[in-house]
Structures are given as structure tokens and as C-alpha cells.
Amino acid sequence: MAKCLSSVCAVSHVAHRNDFLYGVIAVPARRSLEREKIDSLEKLSDYSEQEIRQLHGFGKNAMEKLKNHMKEHRVSFKN
């Protein structure tokens, strides 16, 4: 097996991640949004709170963090 050179590894092992809500909500909730093709606050505003709450990873904590983040950016769920 060949040795991994740090300059090569830094490039070849970088995981491409969606920065949407990174550091705001946990990975399971972010992945659920990704599966639904929700990658912006604008797209998120097309959904009701109830619809998002049904996704995997959206318990009380994740919803509270998400709602606070949306409030900071003056975005709300669909009624």
C-alpha cells in the first residue's frame, strides 16, 4: 500500500459538503433537507413547520435552532 502524502491527501480526501445550515443544526437534519433538495432558506420557506418537523432528525432541539436561524435572517415557514 502506498503512503499518503499530506499535500495529496489534503486535496484528494476533502469531502464535498453542503454549507447550508452547517453549524446550525445536526447532520441528520441537514441530510434530510438535502434529500428533499432544500438547500437555501428561500426553499425552506416553501415548507410548513409541520412538513419539516416530520423529516428525520427534526426533534425539538433541531427545530428550535432552525427557527432561531430563520428568524435572524427574516425568513419564516409557509403558513
N, C-alpha and C. Protein backbone atom coordinates (compact mmCIF):
# COMPACT_ATOMS: atom_id res chain seq x y z
N MET A 1 0.84 -1.17 0.00
CA MET A 1 0.00 0.00 0.00
C MET A 1 0.89 1.24 0.00
N ALA A 2 0.58 2.20 -0.84
CA ALA A 2 1.38 3.42 -0.95
C ALA A 2 1.11 4.34 0.22
N LYS A 3 2.16 5.10 0.58
CA LYS A 3 1.99 6.09 1.64
C LYS A 3 1.22 7.28 1.10
N CYS A 4 0.47 7.89 1.97
CA CYS A 4 -0.32 9.05 1.60
C CYS A 4 0.49 10.31 1.90
N LEU A 5 0.74 11.10 0.88
CA LEU A 5 1.46 12.35 1.07
C LEU A 5 0.47 13.42 1.51
N SER A 6 0.84 14.22 2.48
CA SER A 6 -0.11 15.19 3.02
C SER A 6 -0.62 16.17 1.97
N SER A 7 0.22 16.57 1.03
CA SER A 7 -0.25 17.50 0.01
C SER A 7 -1.27 16.85 -0.92
N VAL A 8 -1.11 15.55 -1.15
CA VAL A 8 -2.06 14.83 -1.98
C VAL A 8 -3.35 14.57 -1.19
N CYS A 9 -3.22 14.16 0.05
CA CYS A 9 -4.39 13.87 0.88
C CYS A 9 -5.25 15.10 1.11
N ALA A 10 -4.63 16.22 1.26
CA ALA A 10 -5.39 17.44 1.50
C ALA A 10 -6.34 17.72 0.35
N VAL A 11 -5.96 17.31 -0.83
CA VAL A 11 -6.81 17.54 -1.99
C VAL A 11 -7.74 16.36 -2.25
N SER A 12 -7.21 15.16 -2.18
CA SER A 12 -8.00 14.00 -2.59
C SER A 12 -9.01 13.52 -1.56
N HIS A 13 -8.84 13.86 -0.30
CA HIS A 13 -9.75 13.36 0.73
C HIS A 13 -10.71 14.42 1.26
N VAL A 14 -10.77 15.55 0.60
CA VAL A 14 -11.69 16.60 1.04
C VAL A 14 -13.10 16.19 0.66
N ALA A 15 -13.95 16.11 1.65
CA ALA A 15 -15.35 15.76 1.39
C ALA A 15 -16.10 17.00 0.95
N HIS A 16 -16.87 16.85 -0.09
CA HIS A 16 -17.69 17.96 -0.54
C HIS A 16 -18.94 17.99 0.31
N ARG A 17 -19.12 19.07 1.04
CA ARG A 17 -20.29 19.16 1.90
C ARG A 17 -21.08 20.40 1.55
N ASN A 18 -22.34 20.32 1.80
CA ASN A 18 -23.23 21.44 1.59
C ASN A 18 -23.11 22.34 2.82
N ASP A 19 -22.77 23.61 2.63
CA ASP A 19 -22.60 24.52 3.76
C ASP A 19 -23.92 25.04 4.31
N PHE A 20 -25.02 24.73 3.66
CA PHE A 20 -26.32 25.21 4.11
C PHE A 20 -26.62 24.68 5.51
N LEU A 21 -26.78 25.56 6.45
CA LEU A 21 -27.08 25.28 7.85
C LEU A 21 -25.97 24.54 8.59
N TYR A 22 -24.75 24.52 8.03
CA TYR A 22 -23.62 23.90 8.71
C TYR A 22 -23.35 24.66 10.00
N GLY A 23 -23.31 23.97 11.11
CA GLY A 23 -23.08 24.59 12.40
C GLY A 23 -24.35 25.10 13.06
N VAL A 24 -25.47 25.01 12.36
CA VAL A 24 -26.74 25.46 12.92
C VAL A 24 -27.52 24.27 13.45
N ILE A 25 -27.67 23.23 12.63
CA ILE A 25 -28.38 22.02 13.04
C ILE A 25 -27.48 20.81 12.79
N ALA A 26 -27.82 19.72 13.41
CA ALA A 26 -27.01 18.49 13.34
C ALA A 26 -27.09 17.84 11.95
N VAL A 27 -26.14 16.97 11.70
CA VAL A 27 -26.00 16.30 10.41
C VAL A 27 -27.26 15.55 9.97
N PRO A 28 -27.91 14.76 10.82
CA PRO A 28 -29.10 14.03 10.35
C PRO A 28 -30.19 14.96 9.80
N ALA A 29 -30.40 16.08 10.46
CA ALA A 29 -31.40 17.03 10.00
C ALA A 29 -30.96 17.68 8.69
N ARG A 30 -29.69 18.04 8.57
CA ARG A 30 -29.19 18.64 7.32
C ARG A 30 -29.29 17.65 6.16
N ARG A 31 -29.01 16.39 6.42
CA ARG A 31 -29.12 15.37 5.37
C ARG A 31 -30.56 15.20 4.91
N SER A 32 -31.49 15.28 5.85
CA SER A 32 -32.91 15.18 5.49
C SER A 32 -33.31 16.32 4.57
N LEU A 33 -32.84 17.52 4.87
CA LEU A 33 -33.13 18.66 4.00
C LEU A 33 -32.49 18.46 2.63
N GLU A 34 -31.28 17.94 2.63
CA GLU A 34 -30.57 17.69 1.37
C GLU A 34 -31.34 16.68 0.51
N ARG A 35 -31.88 15.63 1.13
CA ARG A 35 -32.66 14.63 0.39
C ARG A 35 -33.91 15.26 -0.23
N GLU A 36 -34.45 16.27 0.42
CA GLU A 36 -35.64 16.96 -0.08
C GLU A 36 -35.27 18.09 -1.05
N LYS A 37 -33.98 18.22 -1.35
CA LYS A 37 -33.48 19.27 -2.25
C LYS A 37 -33.71 20.68 -1.68
N ILE A 38 -33.67 20.80 -0.36
CA ILE A 38 -33.80 22.09 0.31
C ILE A 38 -32.39 22.55 0.66
N ASP A 39 -31.89 23.51 -0.10
CA ASP A 39 -30.52 23.96 0.10
C ASP A 39 -30.40 25.47 0.28
N SER A 40 -31.50 26.10 0.63
CA SER A 40 -31.47 27.54 0.90
C SER A 40 -32.65 27.90 1.81
N LEU A 41 -32.54 29.04 2.46
CA LEU A 41 -33.64 29.50 3.30
C LEU A 41 -34.87 29.82 2.45
N GLU A 42 -34.64 30.26 1.25
CA GLU A 42 -35.75 30.55 0.34
C GLU A 42 -36.57 29.29 0.06
N LYS A 43 -35.89 28.19 -0.23
CA LYS A 43 -36.59 26.92 -0.47
C LYS A 43 -37.25 26.41 0.81
N LEU A 44 -36.59 26.62 1.93
CA LEU A 44 -37.13 26.18 3.21
C LEU A 44 -38.44 26.91 3.52
N SER A 45 -38.53 28.15 3.10
CA SER A 45 -39.75 28.94 3.37
C SER A 45 -40.95 28.46 2.56
N ASP A 46 -40.74 27.56 1.60
CA ASP A 46 -41.83 26.98 0.83
C ASP A 46 -42.51 25.83 1.57
N TYR A 47 -41.98 25.46 2.73
CA TYR A 47 -42.49 24.34 3.52
C TYR A 47 -43.10 24.85 4.82
N SER A 48 -44.06 24.12 5.33
CA SER A 48 -44.62 24.46 6.63
C SER A 48 -43.74 23.86 7.73
N GLU A 49 -43.88 24.38 8.92
CA GLU A 49 -43.13 23.84 10.05
C GLU A 49 -43.49 22.37 10.26
N GLN A 50 -44.75 22.05 10.09
CA GLN A 50 -45.22 20.67 10.25
C GLN A 50 -44.53 19.72 9.26
N GLU A 51 -44.38 20.16 8.01
CA GLU A 51 -43.73 19.32 6.99
C GLU A 51 -42.27 19.05 7.35
N ILE A 52 -41.57 20.07 7.82
CA ILE A 52 -40.16 19.91 8.18
C ILE A 52 -40.02 19.07 9.44
N ARG A 53 -40.92 19.26 10.38
CA ARG A 53 -40.88 18.51 11.64
C ARG A 53 -41.01 17.01 11.40
N GLN A 54 -41.63 16.60 10.31
CA GLN A 54 -41.82 15.17 10.01
C GLN A 54 -40.56 14.52 9.45
N LEU A 55 -39.59 15.31 9.03
CA LEU A 55 -38.35 14.76 8.48
C LEU A 55 -37.48 14.17 9.58
N HIS A 56 -36.69 13.18 9.23
CA HIS A 56 -35.77 12.54 10.17
C HIS A 56 -34.78 13.58 10.71
N GLY A 57 -34.55 13.56 12.00
CA GLY A 57 -33.57 14.44 12.61
C GLY A 57 -34.13 15.75 13.13
N PHE A 58 -35.41 15.99 12.91
CA PHE A 58 -36.01 17.25 13.36
C PHE A 58 -36.85 17.04 14.61
N GLY A 59 -36.16 17.00 15.72
CA GLY A 59 -36.83 16.97 17.01
C GLY A 59 -36.96 18.39 17.53
N LYS A 60 -37.25 18.49 18.80
CA LYS A 60 -37.46 19.79 19.44
C LYS A 60 -36.23 20.70 19.32
N ASN A 61 -35.07 20.15 19.59
CA ASN A 61 -33.83 20.92 19.57
C ASN A 61 -33.50 21.44 18.17
N ALA A 62 -33.56 20.57 17.18
CA ALA A 62 -33.24 20.99 15.81
C ALA A 62 -34.22 22.04 15.31
N MET A 63 -35.50 21.86 15.63
CA MET A 63 -36.50 22.83 15.18
C MET A 63 -36.28 24.19 15.84
N GLU A 64 -35.95 24.19 17.11
CA GLU A 64 -35.72 25.45 17.82
C GLU A 64 -34.52 26.19 17.21
N LYS A 65 -33.45 25.46 16.94
CA LYS A 65 -32.26 26.07 16.33
C LYS A 65 -32.58 26.58 14.93
N LEU A 66 -33.33 25.80 14.17
CA LEU A 66 -33.69 26.20 12.82
C LEU A 66 -34.57 27.45 12.82
N LYS A 67 -35.55 27.47 13.70
CA LYS A 67 -36.45 28.62 13.77
C LYS A 67 -35.71 29.89 14.20
N ASN A 68 -34.77 29.76 15.12
CA ASN A 68 -33.96 30.91 15.54
C ASN A 68 -33.12 31.43 14.38
N HIS A 69 -32.53 30.52 13.63
CA HIS A 69 -31.71 30.89 12.47
C HIS A 69 -32.57 31.58 11.41
N MET A 70 -33.74 31.05 11.18
CA MET A 70 -34.64 31.65 10.19
C MET A 70 -35.08 33.04 10.64
N LYS A 71 -35.37 33.19 11.93
CA LYS A 71 -35.79 34.49 12.46
C LYS A 71 -34.69 35.53 12.28
N GLU A 72 -33.43 35.13 12.54
CA GLU A 72 -32.29 36.04 12.36
C GLU A 72 -32.18 36.53 10.92
N HIS A 73 -32.59 35.69 9.99
CA HIS A 73 -32.50 36.03 8.56
C HIS A 73 -33.84 36.48 7.98
N ARG A 74 -34.79 36.75 8.88
CA ARG A 74 -36.12 37.25 8.49
C ARG A 74 -36.83 36.36 7.48
N VAL A 75 -36.80 35.06 7.75
CA VAL A 75 -37.45 34.07 6.91
C VAL A 75 -38.40 33.27 7.80
N SER A 76 -39.52 32.87 7.26
CA SER A 76 -40.46 32.08 8.05
C SER A 76 -41.00 30.92 7.23
N PHE A 77 -41.58 29.97 7.95
CA PHE A 77 -42.21 28.83 7.29
C PHE A 77 -43.48 29.28 6.59
N LYS A 78 -43.89 28.49 5.64
CA LYS A 78 -45.17 28.70 4.95
C LYS A 78 -46.29 28.45 5.96
N ASN A 79 -47.35 29.21 5.87
CA ASN A 79 -48.50 29.04 6.79
C ASN A 79 -49.36 27.88 6.38
